[in-house]
Amino acid sequence: MAAGPAARGLLLLGAVLLLGAVLGAARAVVYFQEQFLDGGGWRQRWVSSESRPDLGTFHLSAGKFYGDPVRDRGLQTRENSKFYAISSRFKPFSNKGKTLVIQYTVKHEQKIDCGGGYIKIFSSDLDQKNLSGASPYYIMFGPDICGSETKKVHVILNYKNKLHPIKKPIRCKVDGYTHLYTLIIRPDQTYEVKIDNEVAALGNLEDDLDFLPPKKINDPAVKKPSDWDDRAHIADPNDIKPEHWDEPEYIMDTSDEKPEDWDHTVHGEWRYPMVKNPLYKGEWKPRQIDNPNYRGVWPHPQIDNPHYSPDFNIYSYENIGAIGLDIWQVSSGTIFDNFLITDDEDYAEDFGDETWGETKDPEKEMNIRQAEEEQQRKRVAEEEHFDQWFKKKQEGEKRISNR
């Protein structure tokens, strides 16, 4: 039976949508993509640094728990208290006039106490065999955790050979699961940081990183009027220091006595020891009151900064050609996977959904199941231990009663 007009319309719409998706994917330029799906083949694509003899080593692993044993395999740090340095090359490119998307997944399976989980983007002239913290880089991006204070996402960009960190605080994920980190830099000089395909921060590069001098500065020719009172509070002129306020901070302890064996020739003249004065109240200060003449903060007039010059290319880099890990970790076990560098935000989001998005829930389920099984093993072991103890106790009591 021939399809009716409505059915033909739906088929046509489906064909148009499919064609659009294909064309959209075809327009995306993928500069680098690494999922470690070919087993040991990664060793041909990644170069371990030899900059120092005690660098930590990587191996391919999905970890102790995962959503898929093959798709979740990535580079895992395997030695505690080590520096790590490894990199991979790709065909050099420039992002001038194009969006740049840098994305990867990182899993701190060990619930890291101190160590980096970030990546670096380098020019194509990177000396991979000597990669180290001294190697110049274009971009550093990703989580960094150390103690209770440092739990942030780094965004550091190189501009005219000087590194500029983002001024906005971005908190990273601190659990033991895999998370997707995405940095988007656009030709309009805006940026976006996404974690798990959700926006964590966005803004303008010029505003949020100190690339350029400020557009406006205080007018040096104008000074605050001499009668401008910007003190919000002043000392109460009617407040008077109480009598007997002044007491020394330390006084002699006259209850003490000179030791009988005190030798003047050895120890000098004996004096009463000094102790804290319980009557000491500290320095007296009059109470503060609202200043009736307060005029607020003086608004210093501003002028255009003569040293400011706009630069509409602070987002762009020439000869981008390598990606690498250059990190320190106290506790090893971090897994890096699903690396992507592209010019297409939609492609990156879809790639994230098809990799991290499809395995994140099974990964959590496996971890929960393992935790429950471990608890059950502990319960069984405790019960067996108690049974053995109780059995030995009964045998001991039986021997005593048979004597």
Foldseek 3Di string as FASTA:
>chain_A
DDDDPVVVVVVVVVVVVVVVVVVQVVPWDWFDWFQCQPPPPVPVFKDWAPQDPFAFAWDWFLFPFWLDGRRSTFTFTDDFFHWGKMKGWTFWFKQAQFKKKWKWKKFQQVLFAFKDDKKFWAFAPFPRRNDAPPTDTAWIWQFGHHHPPGFFIWTWGADPNDIWTFQDTFGDDRDRFMKMWMWMAGLQQKIFIDINNHTRDIDGNVVGTVNWDDFKDFDPVDDDDPLADADQKDFDPPFDDDPPQDDDQKDFDVVDDDDPPDDCVVPNDDDGDIDGDPSHDPDDGGDMDGDPRHPHDDDGDMDGDPRTDDDSCRRMDGRGIMMMDTMTGRDITMGMRGITIMRDPVVVSVSSCVRCVSMRVSRVVRVVVVVVVVVVVVVVVVVVVVVVVVVVVVVVVVVVVVD
